[in-house]
Amino acid sequence: MFDLFLRGGPVMWPIFVASLAALTVVIERISFLIREQRSRCPETVGKIFSEVEKGKIEEAMRIGEGCNDFVAVTLVYGLLHRHKAFSNALLQAANKELKRFSRGLPVLDTVITLAPLLGLFGTVTGMIHAFGLLGGKELDAPTVITGGIAEALIATAYGLLTAIVALIPFNYLNARLEEARHEIEDATTHLELLLLKQDKGL
């Protein structure tokens, strides 16, 4: 397998670095999602809403302060700054939490785009070299030409494989990011409605 890798030419090393970067990001992101799942506490989020509905804002903040759930963190930050710029505070807290979910995604996106291009570049340069043999005495050995073309195509194969393998976790991580975004948006909208009722005395 390693011999096949080396036959792809010098461009195989940038592809290898790209695949290594993608693998590092995927491992780190999966670990992050596992930690986030373990820190979820929907009961605490429910209690925050319950206390806010009763008008006990300070109690709601006290309940949420010890929770690492990203929804609870966003709500507590918003409540803490409710007298200044409540909507902006919620938006700032939400962006901070979502930034944690999106970390590493640009790297995967770059690898998905770059790896096939590197593979194609390696194939083109390899074929140029292979057809360059036509100008020499190697013309009598067509197997040398076809062998060179076959080796050139290895770079494209590895580039495409790297992009395909990186695409699956990229889509999965994007789905988790959107899921977190919707959950935060629903929670912050609900909190704003509860506080609006409090202000109107309903």
Protein backbone atom coordinates (compact mmCIF):
# COMPACT_ATOMS: atom_id res chain seq x y z
CA MET A 1 0.00 0.00 0.00
CA PHE A 2 2.82 2.37 0.89
CA ASP A 3 4.61 1.50 -2.38
CA LEU A 4 1.43 2.42 -4.24
CA PHE A 5 1.34 5.70 -2.33
CA LEU A 6 4.90 6.56 -3.30
CA ARG A 7 4.21 5.77 -6.95
CA GLY A 8 1.74 8.66 -7.02
CA GLY A 9 4.56 11.18 -7.14
CA PRO A 10 5.64 14.14 -4.94
CA VAL A 11 2.10 15.56 -4.79
CA MET A 12 1.10 12.60 -2.61
CA TRP A 13 2.76 14.19 0.39
CA PRO A 14 0.53 17.31 0.40
CA ILE A 15 -2.47 14.98 0.05
CA PHE A 16 -1.17 12.97 3.00
CA VAL A 17 -0.80 16.15 5.09
CA ALA A 18 -4.33 17.21 4.14
CA SER A 19 -5.75 13.82 5.11
CA LEU A 20 -3.84 13.93 8.41
CA ALA A 21 -5.25 17.40 9.15
CA ALA A 22 -8.77 16.17 8.38
CA LEU A 23 -8.33 13.13 10.63
CA THR A 24 -7.07 15.33 13.49
CA VAL A 25 -10.07 17.64 13.17
CA VAL A 26 -12.54 14.75 13.04
CA ILE A 27 -11.10 13.10 16.18
CA GLU A 28 -11.12 16.41 18.08
CA ARG A 29 -14.66 17.27 16.96
CA ILE A 30 -16.06 13.86 17.88
CA SER A 31 -14.45 14.19 21.31
CA PHE A 32 -15.99 17.66 21.62
CA LEU A 33 -19.47 16.39 20.75
CA ILE A 34 -19.16 13.56 23.28
CA ARG A 35 -18.19 16.05 26.00
CA GLU A 36 -21.05 18.35 25.03
CA GLN A 37 -23.53 15.48 25.13
CA ARG A 38 -22.38 14.52 28.61
CA SER A 39 -22.76 18.11 29.84
CA ARG A 40 -26.34 18.44 28.59
CA CYS A 41 -28.91 19.12 31.32
CA PRO A 42 -32.34 19.78 29.79
CA GLU A 43 -33.92 19.59 33.25
CA THR A 44 -31.93 22.66 34.29
CA VAL A 45 -33.01 24.54 31.16
CA GLY A 46 -36.62 23.66 32.00
CA LYS A 47 -36.16 24.94 35.55
CA ILE A 48 -34.73 28.21 34.23
CA PHE A 49 -37.85 28.75 32.14
CA SER A 50 -40.05 27.79 35.08
CA GLU A 51 -38.40 30.28 37.44
CA VAL A 52 -38.46 33.07 34.85
CA GLU A 53 -42.15 32.43 34.31
CA LYS A 54 -42.67 32.87 38.06
CA GLY A 55 -40.74 36.12 37.95
CA LYS A 56 -37.81 34.71 39.93
CA ILE A 57 -35.03 35.88 37.61
CA GLU A 58 -32.26 35.71 40.21
CA GLU A 59 -33.24 32.17 41.12
CA ALA A 60 -33.27 31.21 37.45
CA MET A 61 -29.72 32.53 37.04
CA ARG A 62 -28.57 30.72 40.19
CA ILE A 63 -29.96 27.44 38.88
CA GLY A 64 -28.25 27.84 35.51
CA GLU A 65 -24.87 29.05 36.74
CA GLY A 66 -23.55 25.59 37.58
CA CYS A 67 -24.63 24.02 34.28
CA ASN A 68 -22.33 23.66 31.27
CA ASP A 69 -25.19 22.99 28.84
CA PHE A 70 -24.67 25.40 25.93
CA VAL A 71 -28.37 26.38 25.99
CA ALA A 72 -28.28 27.11 29.72
CA VAL A 73 -25.05 29.11 29.33
CA THR A 74 -26.68 31.26 26.65
CA LEU A 75 -29.83 31.86 28.71
CA VAL A 76 -27.92 32.76 31.89
CA TYR A 77 -25.73 35.22 30.00
CA GLY A 78 -28.81 36.86 28.52
CA LEU A 79 -30.53 37.12 31.90
CA LEU A 80 -27.39 38.56 33.44
CA HIS A 81 -27.46 41.42 30.91
CA ARG A 82 -31.24 41.78 30.61
CA HIS A 83 -31.25 45.38 31.86
CA LYS A 84 -28.71 46.60 29.28
CA ALA A 85 -29.01 44.97 25.87
CA PHE A 86 -30.89 41.73 26.33
CA SER A 87 -31.24 40.77 22.67
CA ASN A 88 -27.64 41.64 21.90
CA ALA A 89 -26.47 39.70 24.94
CA LEU A 90 -28.38 36.61 23.80
CA LEU A 91 -26.97 36.97 20.29
CA GLN A 92 -23.44 37.37 21.58
CA ALA A 93 -23.74 34.34 23.87
CA ALA A 94 -25.30 32.27 21.09
CA ASN A 95 -22.52 33.18 18.64
CA LYS A 96 -19.89 32.28 21.23
CA GLU A 97 -21.43 28.84 21.79
CA LEU A 98 -21.97 28.17 18.08
CA LYS A 99 -18.38 29.17 17.38
CA ARG A 100 -17.30 26.25 19.55
CA PHE A 101 -19.42 23.92 17.41
CA SER A 102 -18.03 25.27 14.12
CA ARG A 103 -14.38 25.08 15.11
CA GLY A 104 -12.40 22.95 12.65
CA LEU A 105 -15.09 22.91 9.96
CA PRO A 106 -13.17 25.33 7.68
CA VAL A 107 -10.24 22.89 7.76
CA LEU A 108 -12.45 20.01 6.63
CA ASP A 109 -14.06 22.20 3.98
CA THR A 110 -10.62 23.14 2.65
CA VAL A 111 -9.45 19.52 2.58
CA ILE A 112 -12.60 18.43 0.69
CA THR A 113 -11.91 21.08 -1.96
CA LEU A 114 -8.13 20.90 -2.04
CA ALA A 115 -7.45 17.14 -2.02
CA PRO A 116 -9.08 16.36 -5.41
CA LEU A 117 -7.34 19.38 -6.95
CA LEU A 118 -3.98 18.18 -5.64
CA GLY A 119 -4.73 14.73 -7.02
CA LEU A 120 -5.64 16.17 -10.39
CA PHE A 121 -2.49 18.27 -10.41
CA GLY A 122 -0.42 15.18 -9.66
CA THR A 123 -2.13 13.30 -12.46
CA VAL A 124 -1.54 16.09 -14.98
CA THR A 125 2.14 16.42 -14.11
CA GLY A 126 2.50 12.63 -14.15
CA MET A 127 0.92 12.37 -17.60
CA ILE A 128 3.13 15.18 -18.89
CA HIS A 129 6.12 13.16 -17.73
CA ALA A 130 4.72 9.94 -19.22
CA PHE A 131 4.06 11.50 -22.63
CA GLY A 132 7.45 13.17 -22.47
CA LEU A 133 8.89 9.68 -22.81
CA LEU A 134 7.45 9.57 -26.34
CA GLY A 135 10.23 11.86 -27.45
CA GLY A 136 12.90 9.39 -26.44
CA LYS A 137 13.84 5.82 -27.10
CA GLU A 138 11.15 4.67 -24.69
CA LEU A 139 8.83 4.83 -27.70
CA ASP A 140 9.63 1.17 -28.28
CA ALA A 141 8.27 0.30 -24.85
CA PRO A 142 4.62 1.36 -24.74
CA THR A 143 4.18 -0.39 -21.42
CA VAL A 144 6.42 2.26 -19.90
CA ILE A 145 4.04 4.95 -21.15
CA THR A 146 0.88 3.21 -19.96
CA GLY A 147 2.55 2.39 -16.66
CA GLY A 148 3.43 6.04 -16.19
CA ILE A 149 -0.15 7.08 -16.87
CA ALA A 150 -1.45 4.50 -14.41
CA GLU A 151 0.90 5.81 -11.73
CA ALA A 152 -0.22 9.36 -12.47
CA LEU A 153 -3.85 8.40 -11.87
CA ILE A 154 -2.96 7.17 -8.37
CA ALA A 155 -2.73 10.80 -7.21
CA THR A 156 -6.29 11.53 -8.35
CA ALA A 157 -7.56 8.36 -6.70
CA TYR A 158 -5.98 9.29 -3.36
CA GLY A 159 -7.18 12.87 -3.63
CA LEU A 160 -10.75 11.79 -4.29
CA LEU A 161 -10.62 9.20 -1.51
CA THR A 162 -9.43 11.82 0.97
CA ALA A 163 -12.23 14.21 -0.03
CA ILE A 164 -14.91 11.50 0.13
CA VAL A 165 -13.80 10.30 3.56
CA ALA A 166 -13.67 13.89 4.88
CA LEU A 167 -17.08 14.77 3.41
CA ILE A 168 -19.01 12.35 5.64
CA PRO A 169 -17.87 13.78 9.02
CA PHE A 170 -18.07 17.31 7.57
CA ASN A 171 -21.77 16.88 6.80
CA TYR A 172 -22.37 15.23 10.17
CA LEU A 173 -20.65 18.05 12.07
CA ASN A 174 -22.56 20.65 10.05
CA ALA A 175 -25.80 18.89 10.98
CA ARG A 176 -24.86 19.03 14.68
CA LEU A 177 -24.03 22.74 14.31
CA GLU A 178 -27.43 23.48 12.76
CA GLU A 179 -29.14 21.40 15.43
CA ALA A 180 -27.42 23.43 18.15
CA ARG A 181 -28.31 26.67 16.34
CA HIS A 182 -32.02 25.77 16.18
CA GLU A 183 -32.04 24.68 19.81
CA ILE A 184 -30.47 27.96 20.94
CA GLU A 185 -32.83 30.00 18.76
CA ASP A 186 -35.89 28.21 20.16
CA ALA A 187 -34.70 28.64 23.75
CA THR A 188 -33.80 32.32 23.40
CA THR A 189 -37.10 33.11 21.68
CA HIS A 190 -38.98 31.36 24.46
CA LEU A 191 -37.02 33.30 27.08
CA GLU A 192 -37.73 36.62 25.35
CA LEU A 193 -41.47 35.83 25.31
CA LEU A 194 -41.44 34.95 29.02
CA LEU A 195 -39.67 38.19 29.92
CA LEU A 196 -42.06 40.14 27.71
CA LYS A 197 -44.96 38.69 29.68
CA GLN A 198 -43.21 39.68 32.89
CA ASP A 199 -42.80 43.26 31.68
CA LYS A 200 -46.48 43.45 30.71
CA GLY A 201 -47.52 41.90 33.99
CA LEU A 202 -49.35 39.00 32.38
